[in-house]
């Protein structure tokens, strides 16, 4: 699987903790096609949390649009799957 950093965001949690969010485009070959997904990595203090969704779309430009929307709304790993389901 290939992974490319696309967006970064800084945010504050509800408790006031500083969050660093990184949004990645992931790609996996599937025969003659590529299957695109995303991974969100969040750093808070000394901890790191991540979650990825694979095989969201076979269209890279569509996945990049979705990643932009995720980053613009500072979606965290815990909410990634739910938000992607709503967007699709």
C-alpha atoms as a PDB file:
ATOM      1  CA  UNK A   1       0.000   0.000   0.000  1.00  0.00           C
ATOM      2  CA  UNK A   2       1.258   3.460  -0.871  1.00  0.00           C
ATOM      3  CA  UNK A   3       0.597   6.412   1.414  1.00  0.00           C
ATOM      4  CA  UNK A   4       0.954  10.116   0.572  1.00  0.00           C
ATOM      5  CA  UNK A   5       0.525  12.999   3.013  1.00  0.00           C
ATOM      6  CA  UNK A   6      -2.090  15.371   1.552  1.00  0.00           C
ATOM      7  CA  UNK A   7      -3.250  17.710   4.342  1.00  0.00           C
ATOM      8  CA  UNK A   8      -2.296  18.725   7.880  1.00  0.00           C
ATOM      9  CA  UNK A   9      -4.323  20.604  10.459  1.00  0.00           C
ATOM     10  CA  UNK A  10      -3.814  21.880  13.987  1.00  0.00           C
ATOM     11  CA  UNK A  11      -6.844  21.937  16.278  1.00  0.00           C
ATOM     12  CA  UNK A  12      -7.895  21.971  19.904  1.00  0.00           C
ATOM     13  CA  UNK A  13      -9.841  19.169  21.537  1.00  0.00           C
ATOM     14  CA  UNK A  14     -12.934  19.905  23.612  1.00  0.00           C
ATOM     15  CA  UNK A  15     -10.737  19.688  26.699  1.00  0.00           C
ATOM     16  CA  UNK A  16      -8.277  22.217  25.246  1.00  0.00           C
ATOM     17  CA  UNK A  17      -5.529  19.771  24.254  1.00  0.00           C
ATOM     18  CA  UNK A  18      -3.504  20.621  21.159  1.00  0.00           C
ATOM     19  CA  UNK A  19      -4.105  18.195  18.278  1.00  0.00           C
ATOM     20  CA  UNK A  20      -2.022  17.674  15.160  1.00  0.00           C
ATOM     21  CA  UNK A  21      -3.943  15.941  12.368  1.00  0.00           C
ATOM     22  CA  UNK A  22      -2.398  14.436   9.240  1.00  0.00           C
ATOM     23  CA  UNK A  23      -4.551  13.239   6.336  1.00  0.00           C
ATOM     24  CA  UNK A  24      -3.102  10.688   3.924  1.00  0.00           C
ATOM     25  CA  UNK A  25      -4.178   9.376   0.535  1.00  0.00           C
ATOM     26  CA  UNK A  26      -3.698   5.620   0.360  1.00  0.00           C
ATOM     27  CA  UNK A  27      -3.547   3.562  -2.832  1.00  0.00           C
ATOM     28  CA  UNK A  28      -3.596  -0.171  -3.387  1.00  0.00           C
ATOM     29  CA  UNK A  29      -3.333  -1.936  -6.730  1.00  0.00           C
ATOM     30  CA  UNK A  30      -6.272  -4.136  -7.727  1.00  0.00           C
ATOM     31  CA  UNK A  31      -5.518  -5.749 -11.033  1.00  0.00           C
ATOM     32  CA  UNK A  32      -5.393  -2.918 -13.572  1.00  0.00           C
ATOM     33  CA  UNK A  33      -6.990  -0.433 -11.156  1.00  0.00           C
ATOM     34  CA  UNK A  34      -5.912   1.485  -8.094  1.00  0.00           C
ATOM     35  CA  UNK A  35      -8.200   1.560  -5.068  1.00  0.00           C
ATOM     36  CA  UNK A  36      -7.956   4.772  -3.058  1.00  0.00           C
ATOM     37  CA  UNK A  37      -8.637   5.379   0.595  1.00  0.00           C
ATOM     38  CA  UNK A  38      -7.466   7.569   3.426  1.00  0.00           C
ATOM     39  CA  UNK A  39      -5.789   7.429   6.801  1.00  0.00           C
ATOM     40  CA  UNK A  40      -6.040  10.053   9.532  1.00  0.00           C
ATOM     41  CA  UNK A  41      -3.256  10.274  12.116  1.00  0.00           C
ATOM     42  CA  UNK A  42      -3.766  12.381  15.232  1.00  0.00           C
ATOM     43  CA  UNK A  43      -1.025  13.351  17.669  1.00  0.00           C
ATOM     44  CA  UNK A  44      -2.096  14.613  21.085  1.00  0.00           C
ATOM     45  CA  UNK A  45       0.575  15.151  23.718  1.00  0.00           C
ATOM     46  CA  UNK A  46       2.774  12.072  23.499  1.00  0.00           C
ATOM     47  CA  UNK A  47       0.085   9.803  22.069  1.00  0.00           C
ATOM     48  CA  UNK A  48      -0.714   8.894  18.495  1.00  0.00           C
ATOM     49  CA  UNK A  49      -4.051   7.590  17.214  1.00  0.00           C
ATOM     50  CA  UNK A  50      -4.768   6.571  13.641  1.00  0.00           C
ATOM     51  CA  UNK A  51      -7.518   5.016  11.581  1.00  0.00           C
ATOM     52  CA  UNK A  52      -7.770   4.263   7.890  1.00  0.00           C
ATOM     53  CA  UNK A  53     -10.464   3.380   5.402  1.00  0.00           C
ATOM     54  CA  UNK A  54      -9.364   1.371   2.383  1.00  0.00           C
ATOM     55  CA  UNK A  55     -10.990   0.975  -1.007  1.00  0.00           C
ATOM     56  CA  UNK A  56     -13.253   4.023  -0.783  1.00  0.00           C
ATOM     57  CA  UNK A  57     -13.139   4.858  -4.509  1.00  0.00           C
ATOM     58  CA  UNK A  58     -11.237   3.935  -7.690  1.00  0.00           C
ATOM     59  CA  UNK A  59     -10.997   7.656  -8.594  1.00  0.00           C
ATOM     60  CA  UNK A  60      -8.021   9.522  -7.099  1.00  0.00           C
ATOM     61  CA  UNK A  61      -9.492  12.992  -7.658  1.00  0.00           C
ATOM     62  CA  UNK A  62     -12.667  12.022  -5.780  1.00  0.00           C
ATOM     63  CA  UNK A  63     -10.625  10.703  -2.852  1.00  0.00           C
ATOM     64  CA  UNK A  64      -8.611  13.940  -2.770  1.00  0.00           C
ATOM     65  CA  UNK A  65     -11.876  15.932  -2.613  1.00  0.00           C
ATOM     66  CA  UNK A  66     -13.033  13.788   0.288  1.00  0.00           C
ATOM     67  CA  UNK A  67      -9.706  14.249   2.095  1.00  0.00           C
ATOM     68  CA  UNK A  68      -9.993  18.029   1.655  1.00  0.00           C
ATOM     69  CA  UNK A  69     -13.475  17.910   3.225  1.00  0.00           C
ATOM     70  CA  UNK A  70     -12.194  15.776   6.111  1.00  0.00           C
ATOM     71  CA  UNK A  71      -9.306  18.166   6.771  1.00  0.00           C
ATOM     72  CA  UNK A  72     -11.482  21.279   6.466  1.00  0.00           C
ATOM     73  CA  UNK A  73     -13.726  19.828   9.176  1.00  0.00           C
ATOM     74  CA  UNK A  74     -10.807  18.535  11.309  1.00  0.00           C
ATOM     75  CA  UNK A  75     -12.186  14.998  11.342  1.00  0.00           C
ATOM     76  CA  UNK A  76     -10.375  12.800  13.864  1.00  0.00           C
ATOM     77  CA  UNK A  77      -9.561   9.101  13.491  1.00  0.00           C
ATOM     78  CA  UNK A  78     -12.428   8.167  15.827  1.00  0.00           C
ATOM     79  CA  UNK A  79     -14.991   9.754  13.495  1.00  0.00           C
ATOM     80  CA  UNK A  80     -13.432   8.938  10.112  1.00  0.00           C
ATOM     81  CA  UNK A  81     -15.577   5.946   9.188  1.00  0.00           C
ATOM     82  CA  UNK A  82     -18.857   7.601  10.228  1.00  0.00           C
ATOM     83  CA  UNK A  83     -18.097  10.845   8.374  1.00  0.00           C
ATOM     84  CA  UNK A  84     -16.959   9.057   5.202  1.00  0.00           C
ATOM     85  CA  UNK A  85     -20.184   7.039   5.224  1.00  0.00           C
ATOM     86  CA  UNK A  86     -22.169  10.285   5.456  1.00  0.00           C
ATOM     87  CA  UNK A  87     -20.175  11.914   2.640  1.00  0.00           C
ATOM     88  CA  UNK A  88     -20.628   8.972   0.313  1.00  0.00           C
END
